[in-house]
Amino acid sequence: MSVQSIHPNKFGELRENFKYYIDAYNALYQLKTENEEELNKIYKMINTELIDSKK
């Protein structure tokens, strides 16, 4: 199913529902640092939004 075949409102709804997964994926995919502070920031975001929110 292509993006064009999804109704725009439904697509927006799906993006909103999976916002944190998309943000986490983008942060990891675009990671180009060895800076420990930046790595900790990404870890905390994943932990807070994806792991702790499911408990």
PDB file of N, CA and C in Angstrom:
ATOM      1  N   MET A   1       0.849  -1.167   0.000  1.00  0.00           N
ATOM      2  CA  MET A   1       0.000   0.000   0.000  1.00  0.00           C
ATOM      3  C   MET A   1       0.897   1.233   0.000  1.00  0.00           C
ATOM      4  N   SER A   2       0.724   2.094  -0.947  1.00  0.00           N
ATOM      5  CA  SER A   2       1.541   3.294  -1.037  1.00  0.00           C
ATOM      6  C   SER A   2       0.953   4.397  -0.170  1.00  0.00           C
ATOM      7  N   VAL A   3       1.767   5.397   0.100  1.00  0.00           N
ATOM      8  CA  VAL A   3       1.331   6.531   0.908  1.00  0.00           C
ATOM      9  C   VAL A   3       0.174   7.252   0.225  1.00  0.00           C
ATOM     10  N   GLN A   4       0.173   7.312  -1.102  1.00  0.00           N
ATOM     11  CA  GLN A   4      -0.868   8.014  -1.836  1.00  0.00           C
ATOM     12  C   GLN A   4      -2.231   7.348  -1.681  1.00  0.00           C
ATOM     13  N   SER A   5      -2.276   6.055  -1.417  1.00  0.00           N
ATOM     14  CA  SER A   5      -3.550   5.360  -1.317  1.00  0.00           C
ATOM     15  C   SER A   5      -4.183   5.479   0.067  1.00  0.00           C
ATOM     16  N   ILE A   6      -3.492   6.069   1.022  1.00  0.00           N
ATOM     17  CA  ILE A   6      -4.025   6.278   2.364  1.00  0.00           C
ATOM     18  C   ILE A   6      -4.654   7.664   2.422  1.00  0.00           C
ATOM     19  N   HIS A   7      -5.838   7.740   2.970  1.00  0.00           N
ATOM     20  CA  HIS A   7      -6.524   9.021   3.116  1.00  0.00           C
ATOM     21  C   HIS A   7      -5.665   9.943   3.986  1.00  0.00           C
ATOM     22  N   PRO A   8      -5.516  11.218   3.595  1.00  0.00           N
ATOM     23  CA  PRO A   8      -4.635  12.137   4.342  1.00  0.00           C
ATOM     24  C   PRO A   8      -4.961  12.223   5.831  1.00  0.00           C
ATOM     25  N   ASN A   9      -6.237  12.211   6.188  1.00  0.00           N
ATOM     26  CA  ASN A   9      -6.589  12.280   7.608  1.00  0.00           C
ATOM     27  C   ASN A   9      -6.144  11.027   8.351  1.00  0.00           C
ATOM     28  N   LYS A  10      -6.283   9.883   7.714  1.00  0.00           N
ATOM     29  CA  LYS A  10      -5.862   8.625   8.328  1.00  0.00           C
ATOM     30  C   LYS A  10      -4.340   8.593   8.489  1.00  0.00           C
ATOM     31  N   PHE A  11      -3.633   9.082   7.480  1.00  0.00           N
ATOM     32  CA  PHE A  11      -2.174   9.136   7.541  1.00  0.00           C
ATOM     33  C   PHE A  11      -1.726  10.018   8.708  1.00  0.00           C
ATOM     34  N   GLY A  12      -2.341  11.179   8.865  1.00  0.00           N
ATOM     35  CA  GLY A  12      -2.012  12.072   9.973  1.00  0.00           C
ATOM     36  C   GLY A  12      -2.300  11.430  11.320  1.00  0.00           C
ATOM     37  N   GLU A  13      -3.401  10.699  11.382  1.00  0.00           N
ATOM     38  CA  GLU A  13      -3.766  10.005  12.614  1.00  0.00           C
ATOM     39  C   GLU A  13      -2.732   8.930  12.955  1.00  0.00           C
ATOM     40  N   LEU A  14      -2.301   8.183  11.954  1.00  0.00           N
ATOM     41  CA  LEU A  14      -1.279   7.155  12.177  1.00  0.00           C
ATOM     42  C   LEU A  14       0.042   7.777  12.616  1.00  0.00           C
ATOM     43  N   ARG A  15       0.433   8.873  11.972  1.00  0.00           N
ATOM     44  CA  ARG A  15       1.681   9.550  12.352  1.00  0.00           C
ATOM     45  C   ARG A  15       1.598  10.039  13.794  1.00  0.00           C
ATOM     46  N   GLU A  16       0.450  10.551  14.189  1.00  0.00           N
ATOM     47  CA  GLU A  16       0.280  11.032  15.561  1.00  0.00           C
ATOM     48  C   GLU A  16       0.360   9.866  16.550  1.00  0.00           C
ATOM     49  N   ASN A  17      -0.262   8.746  16.216  1.00  0.00           N
ATOM     50  CA  ASN A  17      -0.253   7.580  17.104  1.00  0.00           C
ATOM     51  C   ASN A  17       1.144   6.990  17.274  1.00  0.00           C
ATOM     52  N   PHE A  18       1.964   7.068  16.252  1.00  0.00           N
ATOM     53  CA  PHE A  18       3.291   6.453  16.283  1.00  0.00           C
ATOM     54  C   PHE A  18       4.414   7.485  16.305  1.00  0.00           C
ATOM     55  N   LYS A  19       4.106   8.700  16.755  1.00  0.00           N
ATOM     56  CA  LYS A  19       5.063   9.809  16.769  1.00  0.00           C
ATOM     57  C   LYS A  19       6.357   9.441  17.500  1.00  0.00           C
ATOM     58  N   TYR A  20       6.250   8.833  18.663  1.00  0.00           N
ATOM     59  CA  TYR A  20       7.443   8.543  19.459  1.00  0.00           C
ATOM     60  C   TYR A  20       8.305   7.457  18.815  1.00  0.00           C
ATOM     61  N   TYR A  21       7.688   6.501  18.153  1.00  0.00           N
ATOM     62  CA  TYR A  21       8.449   5.484  17.436  1.00  0.00           C
ATOM     63  C   TYR A  21       9.197   6.117  16.263  1.00  0.00           C
ATOM     64  N   ILE A  22       8.524   7.006  15.562  1.00  0.00           N
ATOM     65  CA  ILE A  22       9.140   7.693  14.420  1.00  0.00           C
ATOM     66  C   ILE A  22      10.303   8.555  14.897  1.00  0.00           C
ATOM     67  N   ASP A  23      10.097   9.305  15.983  1.00  0.00           N
ATOM     68  CA  ASP A  23      11.154  10.168  16.521  1.00  0.00           C
ATOM     69  C   ASP A  23      12.364   9.354  16.978  1.00  0.00           C
ATOM     70  N   ALA A  24      12.116   8.237  17.647  1.00  0.00           N
ATOM     71  CA  ALA A  24      13.217   7.388  18.121  1.00  0.00           C
ATOM     72  C   ALA A  24      13.989   6.799  16.948  1.00  0.00           C
ATOM     73  N   TYR A  25      13.281   6.323  15.953  1.00  0.00           N
ATOM     74  CA  TYR A  25      13.927   5.764  14.766  1.00  0.00           C
ATOM     75  C   TYR A  25      14.780   6.821  14.073  1.00  0.00           C
ATOM     76  N   ASN A  26      14.224   8.018  13.900  1.00  0.00           N
ATOM     77  CA  ASN A  26      14.973   9.091  13.238  1.00  0.00           C
ATOM     78  C   ASN A  26      16.213   9.476  14.032  1.00  0.00           C
ATOM     79  N   ALA A  27      16.098   9.550  15.350  1.00  0.00           N
ATOM     80  CA  ALA A  27      17.247   9.909  16.182  1.00  0.00           C
ATOM     81  C   ALA A  27      18.364   8.877  16.048  1.00  0.00           C
ATOM     82  N   LEU A  28      18.013   7.609  16.049  1.00  0.00           N
ATOM     83  CA  LEU A  28      19.024   6.558  15.922  1.00  0.00           C
ATOM     84  C   LEU A  28      19.581   6.475  14.509  1.00  0.00           C
ATOM     85  N   TYR A  29      18.721   6.610  13.525  1.00  0.00           N
ATOM     86  CA  TYR A  29      19.139   6.501  12.129  1.00  0.00           C
ATOM     87  C   TYR A  29      20.094   7.627  11.747  1.00  0.00           C
ATOM     88  N   GLN A  30      19.861   8.817  12.286  1.00  0.00           N
ATOM     89  CA  GLN A  30      20.664   9.985  11.934  1.00  0.00           C
ATOM     90  C   GLN A  30      21.823  10.207  12.900  1.00  0.00           C
ATOM     91  N   LEU A  31      22.045   9.279  13.804  1.00  0.00           N
ATOM     92  CA  LEU A  31      23.075   9.418  14.821  1.00  0.00           C
ATOM     93  C   LEU A  31      24.463   9.465  14.193  1.00  0.00           C
ATOM     94  N   LYS A  32      25.157  10.562  14.447  1.00  0.00           N
ATOM     95  CA  LYS A  32      26.521  10.726  13.931  1.00  0.00           C
ATOM     96  C   LYS A  32      27.399  11.337  15.022  1.00  0.00           C
ATOM     97  N   THR A  33      27.251  10.823  16.226  1.00  0.00           N
ATOM     98  CA  THR A  33      28.000  11.401  17.326  1.00  0.00           C
ATOM     99  C   THR A  33      28.546  10.309  18.235  1.00  0.00           C
ATOM    100  N   GLU A  34      29.602  10.651  18.895  1.00  0.00           N
ATOM    101  CA  GLU A  34      30.120   9.811  19.967  1.00  0.00           C
ATOM    102  C   GLU A  34      30.034  10.587  21.279  1.00  0.00           C
ATOM    103  N   ASN A  35      29.358  11.723  21.223  1.00  0.00           N
ATOM    104  CA  ASN A  35      29.171  12.580  22.379  1.00  0.00           C
ATOM    105  C   ASN A  35      28.260  11.869  23.381  1.00  0.00           C
ATOM    106  N   GLU A  36      28.779  11.602  24.553  1.00  0.00           N
ATOM    107  CA  GLU A  36      28.031  10.852  25.556  1.00  0.00           C
ATOM    108  C   GLU A  36      26.760  11.581  25.980  1.00  0.00           C
ATOM    109  N   GLU A  37      26.805  12.894  26.039  1.00  0.00           N
ATOM    110  CA  GLU A  37      25.621  13.672  26.420  1.00  0.00           C
ATOM    111  C   GLU A  37      24.491  13.496  25.396  1.00  0.00           C
ATOM    112  N   GLU A  38      24.831  13.537  24.126  1.00  0.00           N
ATOM    113  CA  GLU A  38      23.837  13.349  23.063  1.00  0.00           C
ATOM    114  C   GLU A  38      23.280  11.922  23.091  1.00  0.00           C
ATOM    115  N   LEU A  39      24.144  10.943  23.322  1.00  0.00           N
ATOM    116  CA  LEU A  39      23.696   9.551  23.413  1.00  0.00           C
ATOM    117  C   LEU A  39      22.756   9.350  24.600  1.00  0.00           C
ATOM    118  N   ASN A  40      23.077   9.965  25.730  1.00  0.00           N
ATOM    119  CA  ASN A  40      22.211   9.867  26.907  1.00  0.00           C
ATOM    120  C   ASN A  40      20.858  10.520  26.661  1.00  0.00           C
ATOM    121  N   LYS A  41      20.848  11.624  25.932  1.00  0.00           N
ATOM    122  CA  LYS A  41      19.600  12.312  25.600  1.00  0.00           C
ATOM    123  C   LYS A  41      18.696  11.399  24.773  1.00  0.00           C
ATOM    124  N   ILE A  42      19.266  10.730  23.775  1.00  0.00           N
ATOM    125  CA  ILE A  42      18.492   9.809  22.935  1.00  0.00           C
ATOM    126  C   ILE A  42      18.019   8.614  23.763  1.00  0.00           C
ATOM    127  N   TYR A  43      18.890   8.081  24.612  1.00  0.00           N
ATOM    128  CA  TYR A  43      18.513   6.955  25.470  1.00  0.00           C
ATOM    129  C   TYR A  43      17.344   7.331  26.375  1.00  0.00           C
ATOM    130  N   LYS A  44      17.414   8.497  26.999  1.00  0.00           N
ATOM    131  CA  LYS A  44      16.347   8.934  27.901  1.00  0.00           C
ATOM    132  C   LYS A  44      15.030   9.110  27.158  1.00  0.00           C
ATOM    133  N   MET A  45      15.097   9.644  25.939  1.00  0.00           N
ATOM    134  CA  MET A  45      13.889   9.823  25.137  1.00  0.00           C
ATOM    135  C   MET A  45      13.259   8.463  24.823  1.00  0.00           C
ATOM    136  N   ILE A  46      14.066   7.496  24.419  1.00  0.00           N
ATOM    137  CA  ILE A  46      13.551   6.161  24.112  1.00  0.00           C
ATOM    138  C   ILE A  46      12.997   5.506  25.374  1.00  0.00           C
ATOM    139  N   ASN A  47      13.726   5.609  26.452  1.00  0.00           N
ATOM    140  CA  ASN A  47      13.295   4.998  27.704  1.00  0.00           C
ATOM    141  C   ASN A  47      11.982   5.604  28.199  1.00  0.00           C
ATOM    142  N   THR A  48      11.875   6.909  28.175  1.00  0.00           N
ATOM    143  CA  THR A  48      10.682   7.591  28.667  1.00  0.00           C
ATOM    144  C   THR A  48       9.473   7.364  27.771  1.00  0.00           C
ATOM    145  N   GLU A  49       9.640   7.577  26.488  1.00  0.00           N
ATOM    146  CA  GLU A  49       8.504   7.559  25.564  1.00  0.00           C
ATOM    147  C   GLU A  49       8.090   6.168  25.108  1.00  0.00           C
ATOM    148  N   LEU A  50       9.014   5.228  25.052  1.00  0.00           N
ATOM    149  CA  LEU A  50       8.681   3.916  24.503  1.00  0.00           C
ATOM    150  C   LEU A  50       8.670   2.800  25.539  1.00  0.00           C
ATOM    151  N   ILE A  51       9.565   2.842  26.496  1.00  0.00           N
ATOM    152  CA  ILE A  51       9.668   1.733  27.445  1.00  0.00           C
ATOM    153  C   ILE A  51       8.817   1.991  28.685  1.00  0.00           C
ATOM    154  N   ASP A  52       9.066   3.103  29.375  1.00  0.00           N
ATOM    155  CA  ASP A  52       8.346   3.396  30.611  1.00  0.00           C
ATOM    156  C   ASP A  52       6.869   3.672  30.380  1.00  0.00           C
ATOM    157  N   SER A  53       6.520   4.188  29.223  1.00  0.00           N
ATOM    158  CA  SER A  53       5.116   4.513  28.960  1.00  0.00           C
ATOM    159  C   SER A  53       4.258   3.260  28.786  1.00  0.00           C
ATOM    160  N   LYS A  54       4.872   2.113  28.577  1.00  0.00           N
ATOM    161  CA  LYS A  54       4.130   0.863  28.371  1.00  0.00           C
ATOM    162  C   LYS A  54       3.974   0.053  29.652  1.00  0.00           C
ATOM    163  N   LYS A  55       4.541   0.527  30.752  1.00  0.00           N
ATOM    164  CA  LYS A  55       4.465  -0.212  32.024  1.00  0.00           C
ATOM    165  C   LYS A  55       3.142   0.036  32.703  1.00  0.00           C
TER     166      LYS A  55
END
